[in-house]
Amino acid sequence: MTTETIETDAGTARVTWHTAKKARLVLAVSHGAGGGVDARDLQALAAVLPGHGVSVALVEQPWRVAGKKVAPAPKTLDVGWRGIWAAVAKPGLPVISGGRSAGARVACRTATELGAAAVLALSFPLHPPGKPEKSRADELLGAGVPTLVVQGGNDPFGKPAEFPEGDFELVEVPYGDHGFAVPKRAEIGQEAALEIIAGRVVEWTRTLG
């Protein structure tokens, strides 16, 4: 594991690398507006994917590195993401643009312009909780590259059944909330939920290269 800081027009970002020995892909993935790269799903992917030929770059947006508690506007998040792209785009390796929650929106909005090979959207916030009329489906549908959505079955930002039809794959994590936490009374445990996430992402990456 190695860490580097990168200067962007939005401030200093930080990238923590979990590198595969014989990488065939890079997954650059960022956090949401309410947490960091220590999120359970991001850590699970960083632990598993390098063993399957995918180097993982966990990206901390400048606002998070600066110690701020509130994320800036979407346009500023996009600026930060554009700023780290050259550092994660290794020569000859396709890059999957990924993120959880707000980071997933960033990945979708910028995928085509940055030349991403695909998008991984973890807990895509389809709408604010309780406000399905304020849909962000256009961002997801406009990604323009192969896209995998991994969504908790009880995500208040959009349950799997609420998603529109479109050119993307959707995997449901049973009982999972927006952070993929599952209740103790659920039929599957927390580790099983994370195994669903990591296993399905591994399978999907095999279709990409």
N, C-alpha and C. Protein backbone atom coordinates (compact mmCIF):
# COMPACT_ATOMS: atom_id res chain seq x y z
N MET A 1 0.85 -1.19 0.00
CA MET A 1 0.00 0.00 0.00
C MET A 1 0.88 1.24 0.00
N THR A 2 0.62 2.15 -0.92
CA THR A 2 1.36 3.40 -0.98
C THR A 2 0.38 4.56 -1.09
N THR A 3 0.82 5.72 -0.61
CA THR A 3 -0.04 6.91 -0.62
C THR A 3 0.69 8.06 -1.27
N GLU A 4 -0.05 8.81 -2.09
CA GLU A 4 0.53 9.99 -2.72
C GLU A 4 -0.47 11.14 -2.65
N THR A 5 0.05 12.36 -2.61
CA THR A 5 -0.81 13.54 -2.65
C THR A 5 -0.72 14.15 -4.05
N ILE A 6 -1.84 14.70 -4.49
CA ILE A 6 -1.93 15.25 -5.84
C ILE A 6 -2.57 16.62 -5.76
N GLU A 7 -1.93 17.58 -6.39
CA GLU A 7 -2.49 18.93 -6.41
C GLU A 7 -3.51 19.05 -7.54
N THR A 8 -4.70 19.51 -7.22
CA THR A 8 -5.75 19.73 -8.21
C THR A 8 -6.22 21.19 -8.10
N ASP A 9 -7.03 21.61 -9.04
CA ASP A 9 -7.57 22.97 -9.00
C ASP A 9 -8.57 23.16 -7.86
N ALA A 10 -8.96 22.05 -7.21
CA ALA A 10 -9.86 22.13 -6.07
C ALA A 10 -9.12 21.96 -4.75
N GLY A 11 -7.81 21.80 -4.81
CA GLY A 11 -7.02 21.60 -3.60
C GLY A 11 -6.23 20.30 -3.67
N THR A 12 -5.65 19.90 -2.55
CA THR A 12 -4.81 18.72 -2.49
C THR A 12 -5.65 17.47 -2.27
N ALA A 13 -5.54 16.52 -3.19
CA ALA A 13 -6.21 15.23 -3.06
C ALA A 13 -5.19 14.20 -2.59
N ARG A 14 -5.69 13.04 -2.14
CA ARG A 14 -4.81 11.98 -1.68
C ARG A 14 -5.26 10.66 -2.29
N VAL A 15 -4.30 9.88 -2.78
CA VAL A 15 -4.59 8.58 -3.39
C VAL A 15 -3.82 7.50 -2.64
N THR A 16 -4.54 6.50 -2.18
CA THR A 16 -3.92 5.34 -1.54
C THR A 16 -4.04 4.15 -2.47
N TRP A 17 -2.89 3.60 -2.85
CA TRP A 17 -2.84 2.51 -3.84
C TRP A 17 -2.79 1.14 -3.16
N HIS A 18 -3.63 0.25 -3.64
CA HIS A 18 -3.56 -1.18 -3.32
C HIS A 18 -3.29 -1.86 -4.67
N THR A 19 -2.05 -2.17 -4.92
CA THR A 19 -1.60 -2.52 -6.26
C THR A 19 -1.56 -4.02 -6.51
N ALA A 20 -2.08 -4.42 -7.67
CA ALA A 20 -2.00 -5.82 -8.09
C ALA A 20 -0.61 -6.10 -8.65
N LYS A 21 -0.12 -7.33 -8.46
CA LYS A 21 1.21 -7.69 -8.97
C LYS A 21 1.24 -7.67 -10.49
N LYS A 22 0.20 -8.21 -11.11
CA LYS A 22 0.09 -8.19 -12.57
C LYS A 22 -1.25 -7.55 -12.93
N ALA A 23 -1.26 -6.24 -12.89
CA ALA A 23 -2.51 -5.51 -13.09
C ALA A 23 -2.96 -5.55 -14.55
N ARG A 24 -4.25 -5.72 -14.74
CA ARG A 24 -4.86 -5.63 -16.06
C ARG A 24 -5.84 -4.46 -16.13
N LEU A 25 -6.24 -3.96 -14.96
CA LEU A 25 -7.15 -2.83 -14.86
C LEU A 25 -6.78 -2.00 -13.63
N VAL A 26 -7.24 -0.76 -13.64
CA VAL A 26 -7.16 0.09 -12.45
C VAL A 26 -8.58 0.51 -12.08
N LEU A 27 -8.93 0.40 -10.81
CA LEU A 27 -10.18 0.96 -10.30
C LEU A 27 -9.82 2.18 -9.46
N ALA A 28 -10.18 3.36 -9.95
CA ALA A 28 -10.03 4.58 -9.17
C ALA A 28 -11.40 4.88 -8.57
N VAL A 29 -11.46 4.92 -7.24
CA VAL A 29 -12.77 5.00 -6.60
C VAL A 29 -12.72 5.99 -5.43
N SER A 30 -13.74 6.81 -5.34
CA SER A 30 -13.79 7.84 -4.30
C SER A 30 -14.98 7.62 -3.37
N HIS A 31 -14.98 8.39 -2.31
CA HIS A 31 -15.95 8.27 -1.22
C HIS A 31 -17.18 9.14 -1.47
N GLY A 32 -18.09 9.12 -0.52
CA GLY A 32 -19.29 9.94 -0.60
C GLY A 32 -19.14 11.27 0.11
N ALA A 33 -20.26 11.96 0.27
CA ALA A 33 -20.25 13.28 0.88
C ALA A 33 -20.22 13.22 2.39
N GLY A 34 -20.47 12.04 2.96
CA GLY A 34 -20.54 11.94 4.40
C GLY A 34 -19.50 11.03 5.03
N GLY A 35 -18.52 10.61 4.26
CA GLY A 35 -17.53 9.68 4.80
C GLY A 35 -16.28 9.67 3.95
N GLY A 36 -15.37 8.77 4.30
CA GLY A 36 -14.10 8.70 3.60
C GLY A 36 -13.84 7.35 2.99
N VAL A 37 -12.60 7.10 2.67
CA VAL A 37 -12.23 5.85 2.00
C VAL A 37 -12.16 4.67 2.97
N ASP A 38 -12.48 4.94 4.24
CA ASP A 38 -12.57 3.83 5.18
C ASP A 38 -13.95 3.16 5.15
N ALA A 39 -14.80 3.56 4.23
CA ALA A 39 -16.12 2.94 4.08
C ALA A 39 -15.96 1.44 3.85
N ARG A 40 -16.88 0.65 4.42
CA ARG A 40 -16.73 -0.81 4.41
C ARG A 40 -16.66 -1.39 3.00
N ASP A 41 -17.41 -0.84 2.07
CA ASP A 41 -17.39 -1.39 0.71
C ASP A 41 -16.09 -1.06 -0.01
N LEU A 42 -15.58 0.15 0.18
CA LEU A 42 -14.32 0.54 -0.45
C LEU A 42 -13.16 -0.29 0.09
N GLN A 43 -13.16 -0.51 1.39
CA GLN A 43 -12.10 -1.32 1.99
C GLN A 43 -12.18 -2.78 1.54
N ALA A 44 -13.40 -3.29 1.38
CA ALA A 44 -13.55 -4.67 0.91
C ALA A 44 -13.01 -4.82 -0.51
N LEU A 45 -13.29 -3.85 -1.37
CA LEU A 45 -12.79 -3.92 -2.74
C LEU A 45 -11.27 -3.79 -2.77
N ALA A 46 -10.72 -2.92 -1.95
CA ALA A 46 -9.26 -2.75 -1.92
C ALA A 46 -8.57 -4.01 -1.43
N ALA A 47 -9.25 -4.78 -0.59
CA ALA A 47 -8.65 -6.00 -0.07
C ALA A 47 -8.72 -7.16 -1.06
N VAL A 48 -9.76 -7.18 -1.88
CA VAL A 48 -10.01 -8.34 -2.75
C VAL A 48 -9.52 -8.17 -4.18
N LEU A 49 -9.77 -7.01 -4.77
CA LEU A 49 -9.52 -6.85 -6.21
C LEU A 49 -8.06 -7.02 -6.64
N PRO A 50 -7.07 -6.55 -5.88
CA PRO A 50 -5.68 -6.74 -6.34
C PRO A 50 -5.33 -8.21 -6.58
N GLY A 51 -5.96 -9.12 -5.86
CA GLY A 51 -5.71 -10.54 -6.08
C GLY A 51 -6.31 -11.06 -7.36
N HIS A 52 -7.09 -10.22 -8.04
CA HIS A 52 -7.71 -10.59 -9.31
C HIS A 52 -7.25 -9.68 -10.44
N GLY A 53 -6.09 -9.09 -10.28
CA GLY A 53 -5.50 -8.30 -11.37
C GLY A 53 -6.00 -6.89 -11.50
N VAL A 54 -6.64 -6.36 -10.46
CA VAL A 54 -7.16 -4.99 -10.52
C VAL A 54 -6.51 -4.16 -9.41
N SER A 55 -5.71 -3.18 -9.80
CA SER A 55 -5.14 -2.26 -8.82
C SER A 55 -6.22 -1.27 -8.39
N VAL A 56 -6.28 -0.99 -7.11
CA VAL A 56 -7.30 -0.09 -6.58
C VAL A 56 -6.66 1.18 -6.06
N ALA A 57 -7.16 2.32 -6.55
CA ALA A 57 -6.72 3.63 -6.09
C ALA A 57 -7.86 4.26 -5.31
N LEU A 58 -7.72 4.31 -3.98
CA LEU A 58 -8.73 4.95 -3.13
C LEU A 58 -8.44 6.45 -3.10
N VAL A 59 -9.39 7.22 -3.61
CA VAL A 59 -9.16 8.66 -3.80
C VAL A 59 -9.92 9.47 -2.76
N GLU A 60 -9.18 10.30 -2.03
CA GLU A 60 -9.80 11.23 -1.09
C GLU A 60 -9.85 12.61 -1.72
N GLN A 61 -11.06 13.11 -1.86
CA GLN A 61 -11.26 14.41 -2.47
C GLN A 61 -10.62 15.51 -1.62
N PRO A 62 -10.22 16.63 -2.24
CA PRO A 62 -9.53 17.71 -1.52
C PRO A 62 -10.27 18.20 -0.27
N TRP A 63 -11.58 18.28 -0.32
CA TRP A 63 -12.31 18.77 0.86
C TRP A 63 -12.11 17.84 2.06
N ARG A 64 -12.02 16.56 1.76
CA ARG A 64 -11.83 15.58 2.83
C ARG A 64 -10.41 15.66 3.38
N VAL A 65 -9.43 15.79 2.48
CA VAL A 65 -8.03 15.91 2.91
C VAL A 65 -7.85 17.15 3.77
N ALA A 66 -8.59 18.22 3.45
CA ALA A 66 -8.48 19.48 4.19
C ALA A 66 -9.19 19.42 5.55
N GLY A 67 -9.86 18.31 5.84
CA GLY A 67 -10.50 18.17 7.13
C GLY A 67 -11.88 18.78 7.23
N LYS A 68 -12.46 19.17 6.10
CA LYS A 68 -13.80 19.75 6.13
C LYS A 68 -14.85 18.65 6.29
N LYS A 69 -15.97 18.99 6.91
CA LYS A 69 -17.00 18.01 7.19
C LYS A 69 -18.12 18.01 6.16
N VAL A 70 -18.19 19.05 5.36
CA VAL A 70 -19.26 19.17 4.37
C VAL A 70 -18.65 19.22 2.97
N ALA A 71 -19.15 18.39 2.09
CA ALA A 71 -18.64 18.35 0.72
C ALA A 71 -19.05 19.60 -0.05
N PRO A 72 -18.22 20.04 -0.98
CA PRO A 72 -18.57 21.21 -1.80
C PRO A 72 -19.59 20.84 -2.88
N ALA A 73 -19.87 21.79 -3.72
CA ALA A 73 -20.85 21.61 -4.79
C ALA A 73 -20.37 20.54 -5.78
N PRO A 74 -21.30 19.89 -6.49
CA PRO A 74 -20.92 18.86 -7.46
C PRO A 74 -19.86 19.31 -8.46
N LYS A 75 -19.95 20.55 -8.94
CA LYS A 75 -18.96 21.01 -9.92
C LYS A 75 -17.55 20.99 -9.34
N THR A 76 -17.42 21.33 -8.05
CA THR A 76 -16.11 21.31 -7.40
C THR A 76 -15.62 19.89 -7.23
N LEU A 77 -16.52 18.96 -6.91
CA LEU A 77 -16.14 17.55 -6.83
C LEU A 77 -15.61 17.06 -8.17
N ASP A 78 -16.26 17.48 -9.24
CA ASP A 78 -15.81 17.08 -10.59
C ASP A 78 -14.42 17.62 -10.88
N VAL A 79 -14.14 18.85 -10.44
CA VAL A 79 -12.82 19.46 -10.64
C VAL A 79 -11.75 18.64 -9.93
N GLY A 80 -12.04 18.24 -8.70
CA GLY A 80 -11.08 17.43 -7.96
C GLY A 80 -10.82 16.10 -8.63
N TRP A 81 -11.88 15.48 -9.16
CA TRP A 81 -11.75 14.17 -9.82
C TRP A 81 -10.94 14.28 -11.11
N ARG A 82 -11.21 15.33 -11.87
CA ARG A 82 -10.42 15.54 -13.10
C ARG A 82 -8.94 15.72 -12.76
N GLY A 83 -8.69 16.36 -11.64
CA GLY A 83 -7.31 16.66 -11.26
C GLY A 83 -6.48 15.44 -10.90
N ILE A 84 -7.16 14.37 -10.44
CA ILE A 84 -6.39 13.18 -10.05
C ILE A 84 -6.27 12.18 -11.20
N TRP A 85 -6.98 12.41 -12.27
CA TRP A 85 -7.09 11.38 -13.31
C TRP A 85 -5.76 10.99 -13.93
N ALA A 86 -4.92 11.98 -14.21
CA ALA A 86 -3.63 11.69 -14.84
C ALA A 86 -2.78 10.78 -13.96
N ALA A 87 -2.95 10.89 -12.64
CA ALA A 87 -2.15 10.08 -11.73
C ALA A 87 -2.63 8.64 -11.65
N VAL A 88 -3.91 8.40 -11.92
CA VAL A 88 -4.44 7.03 -11.83
C VAL A 88 -4.48 6.34 -13.18
N ALA A 89 -4.36 7.10 -14.25
CA ALA A 89 -4.41 6.53 -15.60
C ALA A 89 -3.03 6.02 -15.98
N LYS A 90 -2.71 4.82 -15.55
CA LYS A 90 -1.41 4.22 -15.85
C LYS A 90 -1.33 3.82 -17.32
N PRO A 91 -0.18 3.99 -17.94
CA PRO A 91 -0.04 3.66 -19.37
C PRO A 91 -0.42 2.21 -19.67
N GLY A 92 -1.29 2.04 -20.65
CA GLY A 92 -1.66 0.71 -21.11
C GLY A 92 -2.69 -0.01 -20.28
N LEU A 93 -3.17 0.62 -19.18
CA LEU A 93 -4.16 -0.02 -18.31
C LEU A 93 -5.48 0.74 -18.37
N PRO A 94 -6.56 0.07 -18.75
CA PRO A 94 -7.87 0.72 -18.71
C PRO A 94 -8.22 1.11 -17.28
N VAL A 95 -8.90 2.23 -17.12
CA VAL A 95 -9.26 2.71 -15.79
C VAL A 95 -10.77 2.70 -15.62
N ILE A 96 -11.24 2.05 -14.55
CA ILE A 96 -12.64 2.11 -14.17
C ILE A 96 -12.79 3.32 -13.25
N SER A 97 -13.73 4.18 -13.58
CA SER A 97 -14.02 5.34 -12.74
C SER A 97 -15.11 4.94 -11.76
N GLY A 98 -14.81 5.03 -10.46
CA GLY A 98 -15.76 4.55 -9.47
C GLY A 98 -15.98 5.52 -8.33
N GLY A 99 -17.04 5.27 -7.60
CA GLY A 99 -17.31 6.08 -6.43
C GLY A 99 -18.51 5.54 -5.68
N ARG A 100 -18.61 5.95 -4.44
CA ARG A 100 -19.79 5.61 -3.66
C ARG A 100 -20.59 6.89 -3.41
N SER A 101 -21.91 6.79 -3.53
CA SER A 101 -22.82 7.90 -3.30
C SER A 101 -22.45 9.11 -4.16
N ALA A 102 -22.10 10.25 -3.54
CA ALA A 102 -21.74 11.43 -4.33
C ALA A 102 -20.58 11.14 -5.27
N GLY A 103 -19.66 10.27 -4.83
CA GLY A 103 -18.56 9.89 -5.71
C GLY A 103 -19.01 9.13 -6.94
N ALA A 104 -20.11 8.38 -6.81
CA ALA A 104 -20.65 7.67 -7.96
C ALA A 104 -21.23 8.65 -8.97
N ARG A 105 -21.85 9.70 -8.48
CA ARG A 105 -22.37 10.73 -9.38
C ARG A 105 -21.23 11.39 -10.15
N VAL A 106 -20.13 11.69 -9.45
CA VAL A 106 -18.97 12.29 -10.10
C VAL A 106 -18.45 11.37 -11.20
N ALA A 107 -18.33 10.08 -10.88
CA ALA A 107 -17.81 9.13 -11.86
C ALA A 107 -18.68 9.09 -13.10
N CYS A 108 -19.99 9.11 -12.92
CA CYS A 108 -20.91 9.08 -14.06
C CYS A 108 -20.80 10.35 -14.89
N ARG A 109 -20.75 11.49 -14.22
CA ARG A 109 -20.74 12.77 -14.94
C ARG A 109 -19.49 12.97 -15.77
N THR A 110 -18.37 12.39 -15.34
CA THR A 110 -17.08 12.69 -15.99
C THR A 110 -16.51 11.52 -16.80
N ALA A 111 -17.19 10.39 -16.82
CA ALA A 111 -16.61 9.18 -17.43
C ALA A 111 -16.22 9.35 -18.88
N THR A 112 -17.10 9.91 -19.67
CA THR A 112 -16.84 10.02 -21.11
C THR A 112 -15.69 10.98 -21.39
N GLU A 113 -15.72 12.13 -20.76
CA GLU A 113 -14.68 13.14 -21.05
C GLU A 113 -13.30 12.67 -20.60
N LEU A 114 -13.23 11.86 -19.53
CA LEU A 114 -11.93 11.41 -19.03
C LEU A 114 -11.45 10.14 -19.72
N GLY A 115 -12.31 9.52 -20.51
CA GLY A 115 -11.90 8.30 -21.21
C GLY A 115 -11.92 7.07 -20.33
N ALA A 116 -12.79 7.05 -19.33
CA ALA A 116 -12.91 5.88 -18.46
C ALA A 116 -13.38 4.67 -19.26
N ALA A 117 -12.87 3.50 -18.88
CA ALA A 117 -13.28 2.27 -19.56
C ALA A 117 -14.66 1.83 -19.09
N ALA A 118 -15.02 2.19 -17.87
CA ALA A 118 -16.30 1.77 -17.29
C ALA A 118 -16.53 2.60 -16.03
N VAL A 119 -17.74 2.45 -15.45
CA VAL A 119 -18.08 3.13 -14.21
C VAL A 119 -18.60 2.10 -13.20
N LEU A 120 -18.09 2.22 -11.97
CA LEU A 120 -18.62 1.44 -10.86
C LEU A 120 -19.31 2.41 -9.91
N ALA A 121 -20.63 2.27 -9.79
CA ALA A 121 -21.43 3.16 -8.96
C ALA A 121 -21.92 2.41 -7.73
N LEU A 122 -21.33 2.72 -6.59
CA LEU A 122 -21.70 2.08 -5.33
C LEU A 122 -22.69 2.98 -4.60
N SER A 123 -23.85 2.44 -4.25
CA SER A 123 -24.88 3.22 -3.55
C SER A 123 -25.19 4.52 -4.30
N PHE A 124 -25.53 4.39 -5.58
CA PHE A 124 -25.84 5.58 -6.37
C PHE A 124 -27.04 6.29 -5.74
N PRO A 125 -26.91 7.59 -5.41
CA PRO A 125 -28.01 8.32 -4.77
C PRO A 125 -29.03 8.79 -5.81
N LEU A 126 -29.92 7.89 -6.14
CA LEU A 126 -30.89 8.16 -7.21
C LEU A 126 -31.74 9.39 -6.92
N HIS A 127 -32.00 9.63 -5.65
CA HIS A 127 -32.76 10.81 -5.23
C HIS A 127 -32.48 11.06 -3.75
N PRO A 128 -32.74 12.27 -3.27
CA PRO A 128 -32.62 12.50 -1.82
C PRO A 128 -33.67 11.64 -1.09
N PRO A 129 -33.38 11.22 0.13
CA PRO A 129 -34.34 10.40 0.87
C PRO A 129 -35.71 11.07 0.97
N GLY A 130 -36.73 10.31 0.61
CA GLY A 130 -38.10 10.81 0.69
C GLY A 130 -38.50 11.75 -0.43
N LYS A 131 -37.62 11.96 -1.41
CA LYS A 131 -37.93 12.89 -2.50
C LYS A 131 -37.66 12.24 -3.87
N PRO A 132 -38.42 11.19 -4.19
CA PRO A 132 -38.18 10.49 -5.46
C PRO A 132 -38.38 11.36 -6.69
N GLU A 133 -39.11 12.47 -6.52
CA GLU A 133 -39.34 13.35 -7.67
C GLU A 133 -38.08 14.09 -8.09
N LYS A 134 -37.09 14.15 -7.19
CA LYS A 134 -35.82 14.82 -7.51
C LYS A 134 -34.81 13.78 -7.98
N SER A 135 -35.08 13.21 -9.13
CA SER A 135 -34.28 12.09 -9.63
C SER A 135 -32.96 12.56 -10.25
N ARG A 136 -31.93 11.74 -10.04
CA ARG A 136 -30.63 11.98 -10.68
C ARG A 136 -30.33 10.91 -11.70
N ALA A 137 -31.38 10.26 -12.19
CA ALA A 137 -31.21 9.16 -13.13
C ALA A 137 -30.48 9.60 -14.40
N ASP A 138 -30.64 10.88 -14.77
CA ASP A 138 -30.00 11.33 -16.00
C ASP A 138 -28.48 11.23 -15.92
N GLU A 139 -27.92 11.43 -14.72
CA GLU A 139 -26.47 11.30 -14.56
C GLU A 139 -26.03 9.85 -14.79
N LEU A 140 -26.76 8.92 -14.21
CA LEU A 140 -26.44 7.51 -14.37
C LEU A 140 -26.60 7.07 -15.82
N LEU A 141 -27.71 7.45 -16.41
CA LEU A 141 -27.99 7.03 -17.79
C LEU A 141 -27.06 7.70 -18.79
N GLY A 142 -26.46 8.80 -18.39
CA GLY A 142 -25.58 9.53 -19.31
C GLY A 142 -24.11 9.17 -19.19
N ALA A 143 -23.79 8.15 -18.40
CA ALA A 143 -22.38 7.80 -18.19
C ALA A 143 -21.66 7.49 -19.51
N GLY A 144 -22.33 6.79 -20.41
CA GLY A 144 -21.78 6.55 -21.73
C GLY A 144 -20.77 5.43 -21.84
N VAL A 145 -20.56 4.69 -20.75
CA VAL A 145 -19.62 3.56 -20.75
C VAL A 145 -20.27 2.42 -19.97
N PRO A 146 -19.75 1.18 -20.07
CA PRO A 146 -20.31 0.09 -19.28
C PRO A 146 -20.36 0.47 -17.79
N THR A 147 -21.50 0.27 -17.18
CA THR A 147 -21.71 0.73 -15.81
C THR A 147 -22.30 -0.37 -14.94
N LEU A 148 -21.74 -0.55 -13.76
CA LEU A 148 -22.28 -1.47 -12.77
C LEU A 148 -22.73 -0.67 -11.57
N VAL A 149 -23.99 -0.83 -11.19
CA VAL A 149 -24.54 -0.21 -9.99
C VAL A 149 -24.68 -1.28 -8.92
N VAL A 150 -24.14 -1.03 -7.74
CA VAL A 150 -24.30 -1.93 -6.59
C VAL A 150 -25.11 -1.17 -5.56
N GLN A 151 -26.31 -1.67 -5.26
CA GLN A 151 -27.26 -0.91 -4.45
C GLN A 151 -27.82 -1.74 -3.31
N GLY A 152 -27.91 -1.14 -2.14
CA GLY A 152 -28.51 -1.81 -1.01
C GLY A 152 -30.02 -1.95 -1.19
N GLY A 153 -30.55 -3.08 -0.76
CA GLY A 153 -31.98 -3.32 -0.91
C GLY A 153 -32.85 -2.36 -0.15
N ASN A 154 -32.32 -1.74 0.91
CA ASN A 154 -33.06 -0.78 1.73
C ASN A 154 -32.44 0.61 1.71
N ASP A 155 -31.84 0.97 0.59
CA ASP A 155 -31.18 2.27 0.48
C ASP A 155 -32.23 3.38 0.37
N PRO A 156 -32.29 4.30 1.33
CA PRO A 156 -33.28 5.37 1.26
C PRO A 156 -33.03 6.36 0.14
N PHE A 157 -31.83 6.33 -0.43
CA PHE A 157 -31.52 7.20 -1.58
C PHE A 157 -31.94 6.55 -2.91
N GLY A 158 -32.57 5.41 -2.85
CA GLY A 158 -33.04 4.73 -4.06
C GLY A 158 -32.91 3.23 -3.93
N LYS A 159 -34.04 2.57 -3.77
CA LYS A 159 -34.02 1.10 -3.72
C LYS A 159 -33.88 0.56 -5.14
N PRO A 160 -33.35 -0.65 -5.30
CA PRO A 160 -33.14 -1.20 -6.64
C PRO A 160 -34.37 -1.13 -7.54
N ALA A 161 -35.55 -1.38 -7.00
CA ALA A 161 -36.77 -1.38 -7.81
C ALA A 161 -37.11 0.01 -8.36
N GLU A 162 -36.55 1.05 -7.77
CA GLU A 162 -36.84 2.41 -8.22
C GLU A 162 -36.01 2.82 -9.44
N PHE A 163 -34.98 2.08 -9.75
CA PHE A 163 -34.11 2.48 -10.85
C PHE A 163 -34.80 2.28 -12.19
N PRO A 164 -34.58 3.19 -13.12
CA PRO A 164 -35.18 3.06 -14.44
C PRO A 164 -34.45 2.00 -15.26
N GLU A 165 -35.08 1.59 -16.33
CA GLU A 165 -34.37 0.71 -17.26
C GLU A 165 -33.31 1.53 -17.97
N GLY A 166 -32.20 0.88 -18.25
CA GLY A 166 -31.12 1.60 -18.92
C GLY A 166 -29.96 0.70 -19.24
N ASP A 167 -28.95 1.28 -19.84
CA ASP A 167 -27.79 0.51 -20.28
C ASP A 167 -26.78 0.41 -19.14
N PHE A 168 -27.20 -0.28 -18.07
CA PHE A 168 -26.32 -0.53 -16.93
C PHE A 168 -26.77 -1.82 -16.25
N GLU A 169 -25.83 -2.41 -15.51
CA GLU A 169 -26.16 -3.59 -14.71
C GLU A 169 -26.40 -3.15 -13.27
N LEU A 170 -27.31 -3.84 -12.60
CA LEU A 170 -27.60 -3.50 -11.21
C LEU A 170 -27.55 -4.75 -10.35
N VAL A 171 -26.78 -4.67 -9.28
CA VAL A 171 -26.67 -5.76 -8.32
C VAL A 171 -27.26 -5.30 -7.00
N GLU A 172 -28.15 -6.07 -6.44
CA GLU A 172 -28.76 -5.73 -5.15
C GLU A 172 -28.02 -6.43 -4.01
N VAL A 173 -27.75 -5.67 -2.96
CA VAL A 173 -27.21 -6.24 -1.73
C VAL A 173 -28.38 -6.35 -0.76
N PRO A 174 -28.90 -7.54 -0.52
CA PRO A 174 -30.11 -7.69 0.29
C PRO A 174 -29.98 -7.02 1.66
N TYR A 175 -31.02 -6.29 2.02
CA TYR A 175 -31.14 -5.64 3.34
C TYR A 175 -30.20 -4.45 3.53
N GLY A 176 -29.31 -4.22 2.61
CA GLY A 176 -28.30 -3.18 2.81
C GLY A 176 -28.88 -1.78 2.80
N ASP A 177 -28.34 -0.89 3.65
CA ASP A 177 -28.73 0.51 3.62
C ASP A 177 -27.75 1.28 2.71
N HIS A 178 -27.71 2.59 2.86
CA HIS A 178 -26.86 3.39 1.96
C HIS A 178 -25.38 3.10 2.15
N GLY A 179 -25.01 2.63 3.35
CA GLY A 179 -23.62 2.26 3.62
C GLY A 179 -23.39 0.77 3.55
N PHE A 180 -24.37 0.03 3.02
CA PHE A 180 -24.35 -1.43 2.92
C PHE A 180 -24.33 -2.12 4.28
N ALA A 181 -24.75 -1.41 5.33
CA ALA A 181 -24.94 -2.06 6.62
C ALA A 181 -26.21 -2.89 6.57
N VAL A 182 -26.17 -4.07 7.14
CA VAL A 182 -27.37 -4.92 7.19
C VAL A 182 -27.77 -5.13 8.65
N PRO A 183 -29.09 -5.19 8.93
CA PRO A 183 -29.54 -5.36 10.31
C PRO A 183 -29.10 -6.72 10.87
N LYS A 184 -28.94 -6.77 12.17
CA LYS A 184 -28.54 -8.03 12.81
C LYS A 184 -29.57 -9.14 12.58
N ARG A 185 -30.83 -8.75 12.41
CA ARG A 185 -31.88 -9.74 12.21
C ARG A 185 -31.98 -10.23 10.76
N ALA A 186 -31.18 -9.64 9.86
CA ALA A 186 -31.25 -10.01 8.45
C ALA A 186 -30.80 -11.45 8.23
N GLU A 187 -31.25 -12.02 7.11
CA GLU A 187 -30.91 -13.40 6.78
C GLU A 187 -29.45 -13.56 6.37
N ILE A 188 -28.81 -12.47 6.01
CA ILE A 188 -27.38 -12.53 5.71
C ILE A 188 -26.65 -11.61 6.69
N GLY A 189 -25.41 -11.93 7.00
CA GLY A 189 -24.61 -11.12 7.89
C GLY A 189 -23.84 -10.05 7.14
N GLN A 190 -23.15 -9.20 7.91
CA GLN A 190 -22.39 -8.12 7.29
C GLN A 190 -21.28 -8.63 6.38
N GLU A 191 -20.57 -9.65 6.80
CA GLU A 191 -19.50 -10.17 5.96
C GLU A 191 -20.03 -10.75 4.66
N ALA A 192 -21.19 -11.41 4.74
CA ALA A 192 -21.80 -11.97 3.53
C ALA A 192 -22.19 -10.86 2.55
N ALA A 193 -22.68 -9.75 3.09
CA ALA A 193 -23.04 -8.62 2.24
C ALA A 193 -21.82 -8.07 1.50
N LEU A 194 -20.71 -7.95 2.22
CA LEU A 194 -19.48 -7.45 1.59
C LEU A 194 -18.94 -8.45 0.57
N GLU A 195 -19.12 -9.72 0.83
CA GLU A 195 -18.70 -10.74 -0.13
C GLU A 195 -19.51 -10.66 -1.41
N ILE A 196 -20.79 -10.33 -1.29
CA ILE A 196 -21.62 -10.14 -2.48
C ILE A 196 -21.07 -8.99 -3.32
N ILE A 197 -20.74 -7.89 -2.65
CA ILE A 197 -20.22 -6.72 -3.37
C ILE A 197 -18.91 -7.06 -4.07
N ALA A 198 -17.95 -7.56 -3.32
CA ALA A 198 -16.63 -7.83 -3.88
C ALA A 198 -16.70 -8.91 -4.96
N GLY A 199 -17.47 -9.95 -4.71
CA GLY A 199 -17.56 -11.04 -5.68
C GLY A 199 -18.16 -10.60 -6.99
N ARG A 200 -19.22 -9.80 -6.91
CA ARG A 200 -19.87 -9.36 -8.15
C ARG A 200 -18.99 -8.38 -8.92
N VAL A 201 -18.27 -7.52 -8.20
CA VAL A 201 -17.37 -6.59 -8.88
C VAL A 201 -16.23 -7.34 -9.55
N VAL A 202 -15.70 -8.37 -8.90
CA VAL A 202 -14.66 -9.19 -9.51
C VAL A 202 -15.17 -9.80 -10.81
N GLU A 203 -16.34 -10.38 -10.79
CA GLU A 203 -16.93 -10.98 -11.99
C GLU A 203 -17.07 -9.95 -13.10
N TRP A 204 -17.57 -8.78 -12.74
CA TRP A 204 -17.79 -7.72 -13.74
C TRP A 204 -16.48 -7.27 -14.37
N THR A 205 -15.42 -7.13 -13.55
CA THR A 205 -14.15 -6.67 -14.11
C THR A 205 -13.59 -7.66 -15.13
N ARG A 206 -13.94 -8.92 -14.99
CA ARG A 206 -13.46 -9.89 -15.96
C ARG A 206 -14.04 -9.67 -17.34
N THR A 207 -15.15 -8.99 -17.43
CA THR A 207 -15.77 -8.70 -18.73
C THR A 207 -15.14 -7.47 -19.38
N LEU A 208 -14.30 -6.77 -18.62
CA LEU A 208 -13.75 -5.51 -19.10
C LEU A 208 -12.32 -5.64 -19.63
N GLY A 209 -11.62 -6.66 -19.18
CA GLY A 209 -10.24 -6.81 -19.66
C GLY A 209 -9.42 -7.68 -18.74
